[in-house]
Amino acid sequence: MRYCFINIFIFGLLNASLISPENNSVLNYTHIVFEWEQEADAKSYNLQVSTDPDFIHLVVDIMDESLMYILKNSIEWNMEYYWRVKAVKDDGIDSDWIDVY
């Protein structure tokens, strides 16, 4: 009997993504859990929340080492918000913004 072994190597970067809150969500609470996937070699993450899609009027601009942040104030009812995250690598270089929701 003959056996064939196949080794598969995948090269390239897998892009992290934003998890929660989902894009275009309508929320009925003001304590918001922001969660995102880990990015390779990330030392920390920069989370920004804004009232405009160009991120000119920031409500939150924080650095955090975890993959989750709970915002307990600054969110108002009947408002639209945008959020994004980028990784800060071990070498101090920022990644691109993961996405904008």
PDB file of N, CA and C in Angstrom:
ATOM      1  N   MET A   1       0.849  -1.171   0.000  1.00  0.00           N
ATOM      2  CA  MET A   1       0.000   0.000   0.000  1.00  0.00           C
ATOM      3  C   MET A   1       0.894   1.233   0.000  1.00  0.00           C
ATOM      4  N   ARG A   2       0.540   2.193  -0.802  1.00  0.00           N
ATOM      5  CA  ARG A   2       1.327   3.414  -0.927  1.00  0.00           C
ATOM      6  C   ARG A   2       0.594   4.556  -0.236  1.00  0.00           C
ATOM      7  N   TYR A   3       1.356   5.404   0.388  1.00  0.00           N
ATOM      8  CA  TYR A   3       0.793   6.571   1.064  1.00  0.00           C
ATOM      9  C   TYR A   3       1.401   7.829   0.456  1.00  0.00           C
ATOM     10  N   CYS A   4       0.608   8.811   0.409  1.00  0.00           N
ATOM     11  CA  CYS A   4       1.069  10.097  -0.106  1.00  0.00           C
ATOM     12  C   CYS A   4       0.886  11.128   0.994  1.00  0.00           C
ATOM     13  N   PHE A   5       1.946  11.771   1.344  1.00  0.00           N
ATOM     14  CA  PHE A   5       1.873  12.819   2.353  1.00  0.00           C
ATOM     15  C   PHE A   5       2.012  14.171   1.667  1.00  0.00           C
ATOM     16  N   ILE A   6       1.124  15.046   1.991  1.00  0.00           N
ATOM     17  CA  ILE A   6       1.140  16.375   1.388  1.00  0.00           C
ATOM     18  C   ILE A   6       1.336  17.397   2.489  1.00  0.00           C
ATOM     19  N   ASN A   7       2.321  18.190   2.340  1.00  0.00           N
ATOM     20  CA  ASN A   7       2.557  19.297   3.267  1.00  0.00           C
ATOM     21  C   ASN A   7       2.044  20.569   2.615  1.00  0.00           C
ATOM     22  N   ILE A   8       1.218  21.276   3.322  1.00  0.00           N
ATOM     23  CA  ILE A   8       0.669  22.525   2.808  1.00  0.00           C
ATOM     24  C   ILE A   8       1.162  23.660   3.684  1.00  0.00           C
ATOM     25  N   PHE A   9       1.739  24.638   3.060  1.00  0.00           N
ATOM     26  CA  PHE A   9       2.208  25.813   3.770  1.00  0.00           C
ATOM     27  C   PHE A   9       1.434  27.017   3.251  1.00  0.00           C
ATOM     28  N   ILE A  10       0.908  27.770   4.155  1.00  0.00           N
ATOM     29  CA  ILE A  10       0.181  28.975   3.777  1.00  0.00           C
ATOM     30  C   ILE A  10       1.010  30.168   4.223  1.00  0.00           C
ATOM     31  N   PHE A  11       1.376  30.965   3.255  1.00  0.00           N
ATOM     32  CA  PHE A  11       2.156  32.154   3.552  1.00  0.00           C
ATOM     33  C   PHE A  11       1.279  33.376   3.395  1.00  0.00           C
ATOM     34  N   GLY A  12       1.630  34.391   4.121  1.00  0.00           N
ATOM     35  CA  GLY A  12       0.855  35.624   4.048  1.00  0.00           C
ATOM     36  C   GLY A  12       0.238  35.928   5.390  1.00  0.00           C
ATOM     37  N   LEU A  13      -0.335  37.065   5.457  1.00  0.00           N
ATOM     38  CA  LEU A  13      -0.926  37.520   6.698  1.00  0.00           C
ATOM     39  C   LEU A  13      -2.429  37.313   6.673  1.00  0.00           C
ATOM     40  N   LEU A  14      -2.944  36.804   7.745  1.00  0.00           N
ATOM     41  CA  LEU A  14      -4.382  36.731   7.899  1.00  0.00           C
ATOM     42  C   LEU A  14      -4.813  38.028   8.559  1.00  0.00           C
ATOM     43  N   ASN A  15      -5.732  38.701   7.969  1.00  0.00           N
ATOM     44  CA  ASN A  15      -6.166  39.985   8.488  1.00  0.00           C
ATOM     45  C   ASN A  15      -7.089  39.800   9.677  1.00  0.00           C
ATOM     46  N   ALA A  16      -6.847  40.573  10.697  1.00  0.00           N
ATOM     47  CA  ALA A  16      -7.732  40.588  11.850  1.00  0.00           C
ATOM     48  C   ALA A  16      -9.006  41.327  11.458  1.00  0.00           C
ATOM     49  N   SER A  17     -10.041  41.152  12.250  1.00  0.00           N
ATOM     50  CA  SER A  17     -11.289  41.855  11.955  1.00  0.00           C
ATOM     51  C   SER A  17     -11.936  42.344  13.240  1.00  0.00           C
ATOM     52  N   LEU A  18     -12.876  43.252  13.076  1.00  0.00           N
ATOM     53  CA  LEU A  18     -13.650  43.756  14.194  1.00  0.00           C
ATOM     54  C   LEU A  18     -14.758  42.759  14.486  1.00  0.00           C
ATOM     55  N   ILE A  19     -15.044  42.535  15.764  1.00  0.00           N
ATOM     56  CA  ILE A  19     -16.034  41.531  16.156  1.00  0.00           C
ATOM     57  C   ILE A  19     -17.320  42.159  16.657  1.00  0.00           C
ATOM     58  N   SER A  20     -17.192  43.047  17.642  1.00  0.00           N
ATOM     59  CA  SER A  20     -18.398  43.568  18.290  1.00  0.00           C
ATOM     60  C   SER A  20     -18.172  45.016  18.715  1.00  0.00           C
ATOM     61  N   PRO A  21     -19.174  45.864  18.557  1.00  0.00           N
ATOM     62  CA  PRO A  21     -20.493  45.621  17.988  1.00  0.00           C
ATOM     63  C   PRO A  21     -20.408  45.443  16.473  1.00  0.00           C
ATOM     64  N   GLU A  22     -21.313  44.667  15.943  1.00  0.00           N
ATOM     65  CA  GLU A  22     -21.321  44.389  14.517  1.00  0.00           C
ATOM     66  C   GLU A  22     -21.631  45.661  13.730  1.00  0.00           C
ATOM     67  N   ASN A  23     -21.220  45.657  12.477  1.00  0.00           N
ATOM     68  CA  ASN A  23     -21.454  46.796  11.604  1.00  0.00           C
ATOM     69  C   ASN A  23     -22.955  47.069  11.476  1.00  0.00           C
ATOM     70  N   ASN A  24     -23.323  48.329  11.519  1.00  0.00           N
ATOM     71  CA  ASN A  24     -24.717  48.786  11.391  1.00  0.00           C
ATOM     72  C   ASN A  24     -25.632  48.274  12.497  1.00  0.00           C
ATOM     73  N   SER A  25     -25.085  48.006  13.659  1.00  0.00           N
ATOM     74  CA  SER A  25     -25.891  47.548  14.793  1.00  0.00           C
ATOM     75  C   SER A  25     -26.711  48.689  15.369  1.00  0.00           C
ATOM     76  N   VAL A  26     -27.881  48.355  15.851  1.00  0.00           N
ATOM     77  CA  VAL A  26     -28.698  49.282  16.627  1.00  0.00           C
ATOM     78  C   VAL A  26     -28.688  48.739  18.045  1.00  0.00           C
ATOM     79  N   LEU A  27     -28.128  49.523  18.966  1.00  0.00           N
ATOM     80  CA  LEU A  27     -27.954  49.049  20.337  1.00  0.00           C
ATOM     81  C   LEU A  27     -28.944  49.715  21.271  1.00  0.00           C
ATOM     82  N   ASN A  28     -29.367  48.982  22.279  1.00  0.00           N
ATOM     83  CA  ASN A  28     -30.309  49.531  23.253  1.00  0.00           C
ATOM     84  C   ASN A  28     -29.679  49.612  24.644  1.00  0.00           C
ATOM     85  N   TYR A  29     -28.387  49.879  24.684  1.00  0.00           N
ATOM     86  CA  TYR A  29     -27.659  50.045  25.935  1.00  0.00           C
ATOM     87  C   TYR A  29     -26.503  51.007  25.693  1.00  0.00           C
ATOM     88  N   THR A  30     -26.005  51.595  26.764  1.00  0.00           N
ATOM     89  CA  THR A  30     -24.950  52.606  26.611  1.00  0.00           C
ATOM     90  C   THR A  30     -23.581  52.132  27.098  1.00  0.00           C
ATOM     91  N   HIS A  31     -23.488  50.978  27.739  1.00  0.00           N
ATOM     92  CA  HIS A  31     -22.189  50.388  28.067  1.00  0.00           C
ATOM     93  C   HIS A  31     -21.844  49.441  26.926  1.00  0.00           C
ATOM     94  N   ILE A  32     -20.909  49.846  26.093  1.00  0.00           N
ATOM     95  CA  ILE A  32     -20.630  49.142  24.849  1.00  0.00           C
ATOM     96  C   ILE A  32     -19.341  48.336  24.966  1.00  0.00           C
ATOM     97  N   VAL A  33     -19.410  47.063  24.582  1.00  0.00           N
ATOM     98  CA  VAL A  33     -18.231  46.204  24.542  1.00  0.00           C
ATOM     99  C   VAL A  33     -17.688  46.223  23.116  1.00  0.00           C
ATOM    100  N   PHE A  34     -16.484  46.749  22.955  1.00  0.00           N
ATOM    101  CA  PHE A  34     -15.785  46.742  21.677  1.00  0.00           C
ATOM    102  C   PHE A  34     -14.806  45.575  21.706  1.00  0.00           C
ATOM    103  N   GLU A  35     -14.881  44.733  20.683  1.00  0.00           N
ATOM    104  CA  GLU A  35     -14.032  43.547  20.645  1.00  0.00           C
ATOM    105  C   GLU A  35     -13.496  43.348  19.228  1.00  0.00           C
ATOM    106  N   TRP A  36     -12.236  42.901  19.136  1.00  0.00           N
ATOM    107  CA  TRP A  36     -11.582  42.701  17.849  1.00  0.00           C
ATOM    108  C   TRP A  36     -10.654  41.505  17.948  1.00  0.00           C
ATOM    109  N   GLU A  37     -10.241  41.004  16.781  1.00  0.00           N
ATOM    110  CA  GLU A  37      -9.349  39.856  16.721  1.00  0.00           C
ATOM    111  C   GLU A  37      -7.898  40.290  16.907  1.00  0.00           C
ATOM    112  N   GLN A  38      -7.104  39.355  17.396  1.00  0.00           N
ATOM    113  CA  GLN A  38      -5.686  39.604  17.612  1.00  0.00           C
ATOM    114  C   GLN A  38      -4.954  39.714  16.284  1.00  0.00           C
ATOM    115  N   GLU A  39      -3.980  40.601  16.259  1.00  0.00           N
ATOM    116  CA  GLU A  39      -3.129  40.745  15.086  1.00  0.00           C
ATOM    117  C   GLU A  39      -1.722  40.306  15.469  1.00  0.00           C
ATOM    118  N   ALA A  40      -1.044  39.622  14.568  1.00  0.00           N
ATOM    119  CA  ALA A  40       0.292  39.097  14.842  1.00  0.00           C
ATOM    120  C   ALA A  40       1.248  40.202  15.264  1.00  0.00           C
ATOM    121  N   ASP A  41       2.054  39.918  16.267  1.00  0.00           N
ATOM    122  CA  ASP A  41       3.092  40.821  16.781  1.00  0.00           C
ATOM    123  C   ASP A  41       2.559  42.124  17.362  1.00  0.00           C
ATOM    124  N   ALA A  42       1.288  42.171  17.714  1.00  0.00           N
ATOM    125  CA  ALA A  42       0.730  43.396  18.301  1.00  0.00           C
ATOM    126  C   ALA A  42       1.122  43.512  19.772  1.00  0.00           C
ATOM    127  N   LYS A  43       1.590  44.684  20.138  1.00  0.00           N
ATOM    128  CA  LYS A  43       1.915  44.974  21.532  1.00  0.00           C
ATOM    129  C   LYS A  43       0.709  45.598  22.219  1.00  0.00           C
ATOM    130  N   SER A  44      -0.018  46.428  21.482  1.00  0.00           N
ATOM    131  CA  SER A  44      -1.219  47.072  21.996  1.00  0.00           C
ATOM    132  C   SER A  44      -2.097  47.460  20.808  1.00  0.00           C
ATOM    133  N   TYR A  45      -3.259  48.028  21.126  1.00  0.00           N
ATOM    134  CA  TYR A  45      -4.216  48.414  20.093  1.00  0.00           C
ATOM    135  C   TYR A  45      -4.718  49.830  20.352  1.00  0.00           C
ATOM    136  N   ASN A  46      -4.955  50.550  19.278  1.00  0.00           N
ATOM    137  CA  ASN A  46      -5.528  51.883  19.358  1.00  0.00           C
ATOM    138  C   ASN A  46      -6.985  51.781  18.904  1.00  0.00           C
ATOM    139  N   LEU A  47      -7.906  52.065  19.825  1.00  0.00           N
ATOM    140  CA  LEU A  47      -9.342  52.072  19.537  1.00  0.00           C
ATOM    141  C   LEU A  47      -9.796  53.514  19.434  1.00  0.00           C
ATOM    142  N   GLN A  48     -10.498  53.818  18.353  1.00  0.00           N
ATOM    143  CA  GLN A  48     -11.101  55.138  18.186  1.00  0.00           C
ATOM    144  C   GLN A  48     -12.588  54.983  17.930  1.00  0.00           C
ATOM    145  N   VAL A  49     -13.373  55.839  18.586  1.00  0.00           N
ATOM    146  CA  VAL A  49     -14.815  55.919  18.373  1.00  0.00           C
ATOM    147  C   VAL A  49     -15.113  57.373  18.032  1.00  0.00           C
ATOM    148  N   SER A  50     -15.923  57.568  16.992  1.00  0.00           N
ATOM    149  CA  SER A  50     -16.185  58.916  16.500  1.00  0.00           C
ATOM    150  C   SER A  50     -17.653  59.082  16.138  1.00  0.00           C
ATOM    151  N   THR A  51     -18.074  60.332  16.080  1.00  0.00           N
ATOM    152  CA  THR A  51     -19.437  60.632  15.636  1.00  0.00           C
ATOM    153  C   THR A  51     -19.496  60.869  14.131  1.00  0.00           C
ATOM    154  N   ASP A  52     -18.339  60.810  13.450  1.00  0.00           N
ATOM    155  CA  ASP A  52     -18.320  61.008  12.000  1.00  0.00           C
ATOM    156  C   ASP A  52     -17.405  59.972  11.350  1.00  0.00           C
ATOM    157  N   PRO A  53     -17.677  59.604  10.100  1.00  0.00           N
ATOM    158  CA  PRO A  53     -16.899  58.552   9.439  1.00  0.00           C
ATOM    159  C   PRO A  53     -15.455  58.938   9.112  1.00  0.00           C
ATOM    160  N   ASP A  54     -15.125  60.220   9.192  1.00  0.00           N
ATOM    161  CA  ASP A  54     -13.751  60.666   8.956  1.00  0.00           C
ATOM    162  C   ASP A  54     -12.924  60.732  10.236  1.00  0.00           C
ATOM    163  N   PHE A  55     -13.535  60.418  11.363  1.00  0.00           N
ATOM    164  CA  PHE A  55     -12.895  60.391  12.679  1.00  0.00           C
ATOM    165  C   PHE A  55     -12.271  61.730  13.049  1.00  0.00           C
ATOM    166  N   ILE A  56     -13.006  62.789  12.747  1.00  0.00           N
ATOM    167  CA  ILE A  56     -12.582  64.135  13.130  1.00  0.00           C
ATOM    168  C   ILE A  56     -13.039  64.441  14.552  1.00  0.00           C
ATOM    169  N   HIS A  57     -14.259  64.022  14.894  1.00  0.00           N
ATOM    170  CA  HIS A  57     -14.826  64.269  16.227  1.00  0.00           C
ATOM    171  C   HIS A  57     -14.768  62.989  17.050  1.00  0.00           C
ATOM    172  N   LEU A  58     -13.624  62.774  17.683  1.00  0.00           N
ATOM    173  CA  LEU A  58     -13.406  61.553  18.456  1.00  0.00           C
ATOM    174  C   LEU A  58     -14.087  61.622  19.811  1.00  0.00           C
ATOM    175  N   VAL A  59     -14.780  60.552  20.136  1.00  0.00           N
ATOM    176  CA  VAL A  59     -15.381  60.382  21.454  1.00  0.00           C
ATOM    177  C   VAL A  59     -14.425  59.585  22.335  1.00  0.00           C
ATOM    178  N   VAL A  60     -13.710  58.645  21.717  1.00  0.00           N
ATOM    179  CA  VAL A  60     -12.737  57.796  22.405  1.00  0.00           C
ATOM    180  C   VAL A  60     -11.509  57.656  21.518  1.00  0.00           C
ATOM    181  N   ASP A  61     -10.339  57.747  22.132  1.00  0.00           N
ATOM    182  CA  ASP A  61      -9.068  57.494  21.461  1.00  0.00           C
ATOM    183  C   ASP A  61      -8.143  56.909  22.516  1.00  0.00           C
ATOM    184  N   ILE A  62      -8.149  55.574  22.651  1.00  0.00           N
ATOM    185  CA  ILE A  62      -7.397  54.939  23.730  1.00  0.00           C
ATOM    186  C   ILE A  62      -6.431  53.890  23.190  1.00  0.00           C
ATOM    187  N   MET A  63      -5.417  53.609  23.973  1.00  0.00           N
ATOM    188  CA  MET A  63      -4.502  52.497  23.715  1.00  0.00           C
ATOM    189  C   MET A  63      -4.803  51.431  24.758  1.00  0.00           C
ATOM    190  N   ASP A  64      -4.875  50.170  24.319  1.00  0.00           N
ATOM    191  CA  ASP A  64      -5.196  49.075  25.224  1.00  0.00           C
ATOM    192  C   ASP A  64      -4.440  47.839  24.772  1.00  0.00           C
ATOM    193  N   GLU A  65      -4.006  47.018  25.721  1.00  0.00           N
ATOM    194  CA  GLU A  65      -3.261  45.808  25.381  1.00  0.00           C
ATOM    195  C   GLU A  65      -4.154  44.595  25.189  1.00  0.00           C
ATOM    196  N   SER A  66      -5.423  44.711  25.538  1.00  0.00           N
ATOM    197  CA  SER A  66      -6.324  43.569  25.412  1.00  0.00           C
ATOM    198  C   SER A  66      -7.024  43.577  24.054  1.00  0.00           C
ATOM    199  N   LEU A  67      -7.909  42.624  23.857  1.00  0.00           N
ATOM    200  CA  LEU A  67      -8.675  42.523  22.613  1.00  0.00           C
ATOM    201  C   LEU A  67     -10.113  42.969  22.817  1.00  0.00           C
ATOM    202  N   MET A  68     -10.328  43.713  23.908  1.00  0.00           N
ATOM    203  CA  MET A  68     -11.683  44.138  24.240  1.00  0.00           C
ATOM    204  C   MET A  68     -11.614  45.402  25.097  1.00  0.00           C
ATOM    205  N   TYR A  69     -12.572  46.268  24.908  1.00  0.00           N
ATOM    206  CA  TYR A  69     -12.657  47.483  25.721  1.00  0.00           C
ATOM    207  C   TYR A  69     -14.125  47.769  25.998  1.00  0.00           C
ATOM    208  N   ILE A  70     -14.455  48.056  27.246  1.00  0.00           N
ATOM    209  CA  ILE A  70     -15.834  48.389  27.613  1.00  0.00           C
ATOM    210  C   ILE A  70     -15.928  49.891  27.818  1.00  0.00           C
ATOM    211  N   LEU A  71     -16.725  50.516  26.991  1.00  0.00           N
ATOM    212  CA  LEU A  71     -16.961  51.959  27.090  1.00  0.00           C
ATOM    213  C   LEU A  71     -18.192  52.170  27.952  1.00  0.00           C
ATOM    214  N   LYS A  72     -18.009  52.809  29.103  1.00  0.00           N
ATOM    215  CA  LYS A  72     -19.106  52.944  30.069  1.00  0.00           C
ATOM    216  C   LYS A  72     -19.773  54.306  30.042  1.00  0.00           C
ATOM    217  N   ASN A  73     -19.173  55.260  29.361  1.00  0.00           N
ATOM    218  CA  ASN A  73     -19.815  56.572  29.215  1.00  0.00           C
ATOM    219  C   ASN A  73     -19.413  57.163  27.880  1.00  0.00           C
ATOM    220  N   SER A  74     -19.881  58.287  27.541  1.00  0.00           N
ATOM    221  CA  SER A  74     -19.594  58.982  26.278  1.00  0.00           C
ATOM    222  C   SER A  74     -20.530  58.613  25.143  1.00  0.00           C
ATOM    223  N   ILE A  75     -21.352  57.594  25.299  1.00  0.00           N
ATOM    224  CA  ILE A  75     -22.293  57.196  24.253  1.00  0.00           C
ATOM    225  C   ILE A  75     -23.672  57.752  24.602  1.00  0.00           C
ATOM    226  N   GLU A  76     -24.271  58.406  23.624  1.00  0.00           N
ATOM    227  CA  GLU A  76     -25.582  59.003  23.843  1.00  0.00           C
ATOM    228  C   GLU A  76     -26.637  58.264  23.024  1.00  0.00           C
ATOM    229  N   TRP A  77     -27.872  58.324  23.496  1.00  0.00           N
ATOM    230  CA  TRP A  77     -28.990  57.712  22.786  1.00  0.00           C
ATOM    231  C   TRP A  77     -29.239  58.411  21.464  1.00  0.00           C
ATOM    232  N   ASN A  78     -29.769  57.676  20.502  1.00  0.00           N
ATOM    233  CA  ASN A  78     -30.176  58.201  19.187  1.00  0.00           C
ATOM    234  C   ASN A  78     -29.043  58.885  18.431  1.00  0.00           C
ATOM    235  N   MET A  79     -27.854  58.355  18.576  1.00  0.00           N
ATOM    236  CA  MET A  79     -26.682  58.885  17.870  1.00  0.00           C
ATOM    237  C   MET A  79     -26.056  57.765  17.043  1.00  0.00           C
ATOM    238  N   GLU A  80     -25.357  58.168  16.009  1.00  0.00           N
ATOM    239  CA  GLU A  80     -24.640  57.209  15.184  1.00  0.00           C
ATOM    240  C   GLU A  80     -23.149  57.349  15.477  1.00  0.00           C
ATOM    241  N   TYR A  81     -22.475  56.208  15.648  1.00  0.00           N
ATOM    242  CA  TYR A  81     -21.053  56.202  15.964  1.00  0.00           C
ATOM    243  C   TYR A  81     -20.305  55.292  14.994  1.00  0.00           C
ATOM    244  N   TYR A  82     -19.028  55.580  14.836  1.00  0.00           N
ATOM    245  CA  TYR A  82     -18.134  54.795  13.998  1.00  0.00           C
ATOM    246  C   TYR A  82     -16.966  54.363  14.869  1.00  0.00           C
ATOM    247  N   TRP A  83     -16.449  53.162  14.629  1.00  0.00           N
ATOM    248  CA  TRP A  83     -15.304  52.722  15.408  1.00  0.00           C
ATOM    249  C   TRP A  83     -14.315  51.967  14.535  1.00  0.00           C
ATOM    250  N   ARG A  84     -13.054  52.029  14.968  1.00  0.00           N
ATOM    251  CA  ARG A  84     -11.972  51.350  14.264  1.00  0.00           C
ATOM    252  C   ARG A  84     -10.861  51.015  15.246  1.00  0.00           C
ATOM    253  N   VAL A  85     -10.010  50.083  14.831  1.00  0.00           N
ATOM    254  CA  VAL A  85      -8.905  49.618  15.674  1.00  0.00           C
ATOM    255  C   VAL A  85      -7.687  49.398  14.786  1.00  0.00           C
ATOM    256  N   LYS A  86      -6.516  49.719  15.332  1.00  0.00           N
ATOM    257  CA  LYS A  86      -5.267  49.354  14.660  1.00  0.00           C
ATOM    258  C   LYS A  86      -4.295  48.834  15.698  1.00  0.00           C
ATOM    259  N   ALA A  87      -3.412  47.966  15.263  1.00  0.00           N
ATOM    260  CA  ALA A  87      -2.414  47.376  16.146  1.00  0.00           C
ATOM    261  C   ALA A  87      -1.157  48.233  16.172  1.00  0.00           C
ATOM    262  N   VAL A  88      -0.522  48.261  17.332  1.00  0.00           N
ATOM    263  CA  VAL A  88       0.811  48.841  17.465  1.00  0.00           C
ATOM    264  C   VAL A  88       1.740  47.654  17.673  1.00  0.00           C
ATOM    265  N   LYS A  89       2.651  47.460  16.754  1.00  0.00           N
ATOM    266  CA  LYS A  89       3.524  46.287  16.745  1.00  0.00           C
ATOM    267  C   LYS A  89       4.645  46.423  17.773  1.00  0.00           C
ATOM    268  N   ASP A  90       5.332  45.306  18.018  1.00  0.00           N
ATOM    269  CA  ASP A  90       6.460  45.285  18.951  1.00  0.00           C
ATOM    270  C   ASP A  90       7.546  46.271  18.568  1.00  0.00           C
ATOM    271  N   ASP A  91       7.706  46.512  17.264  1.00  0.00           N
ATOM    272  CA  ASP A  91       8.744  47.437  16.802  1.00  0.00           C
ATOM    273  C   ASP A  91       8.288  48.898  16.842  1.00  0.00           C
ATOM    274  N   GLY A  92       7.056  49.151  17.362  1.00  0.00           N
ATOM    275  CA  GLY A  92       6.548  50.506  17.489  1.00  0.00           C
ATOM    276  C   GLY A  92       5.837  51.039  16.265  1.00  0.00           C
ATOM    277  N   ILE A  93       5.777  50.252  15.206  1.00  0.00           N
ATOM    278  CA  ILE A  93       5.120  50.681  13.975  1.00  0.00           C
ATOM    279  C   ILE A  93       3.642  50.305  14.039  1.00  0.00           C
ATOM    280  N   ASP A  94       2.784  51.249  13.676  1.00  0.00           N
ATOM    281  CA  ASP A  94       1.339  51.002  13.663  1.00  0.00           C
ATOM    282  C   ASP A  94       0.942  50.242  12.407  1.00  0.00           C
ATOM    283  N   SER A  95      -0.032  49.353  12.561  1.00  0.00           N
ATOM    284  CA  SER A  95      -0.607  48.682  11.393  1.00  0.00           C
ATOM    285  C   SER A  95      -1.621  49.623  10.750  1.00  0.00           C
ATOM    286  N   ASP A  96      -2.189  49.205   9.653  1.00  0.00           N
ATOM    287  CA  ASP A  96      -3.303  49.933   9.065  1.00  0.00           C
ATOM    288  C   ASP A  96      -4.519  49.730   9.960  1.00  0.00           C
ATOM    289  N   TRP A  97      -5.512  50.566   9.815  1.00  0.00           N
ATOM    290  CA  TRP A  97      -6.761  50.365  10.545  1.00  0.00           C
ATOM    291  C   TRP A  97      -7.363  49.045  10.099  1.00  0.00           C
ATOM    292  N   ILE A  98      -7.802  48.238  11.048  1.00  0.00           N
ATOM    293  CA  ILE A  98      -8.355  46.927  10.732  1.00  0.00           C
ATOM    294  C   ILE A  98      -9.596  47.077   9.861  1.00  0.00           C
ATOM    295  N   ASP A  99     -10.477  47.961  10.240  1.00  0.00           N
ATOM    296  CA  ASP A  99     -11.712  48.184   9.504  1.00  0.00           C
ATOM    297  C   ASP A  99     -12.411  49.370  10.147  1.00  0.00           C
ATOM    298  N   VAL A 100     -13.486  49.823   9.538  1.00  0.00           N
ATOM    299  CA  VAL A 100     -14.309  50.876  10.133  1.00  0.00           C
ATOM    300  C   VAL A 100     -15.734  50.375  10.157  1.00  0.00           C
ATOM    301  N   TYR A 101     -16.324  50.329  11.332  1.00  0.00           N
ATOM    302  CA  TYR A 101     -17.736  49.946  11.505  1.00  0.00           C
ATOM    303  C   TYR A 101     -18.503  51.135  12.012  1.00  0.00           C
TER     304      TYR A 101
END
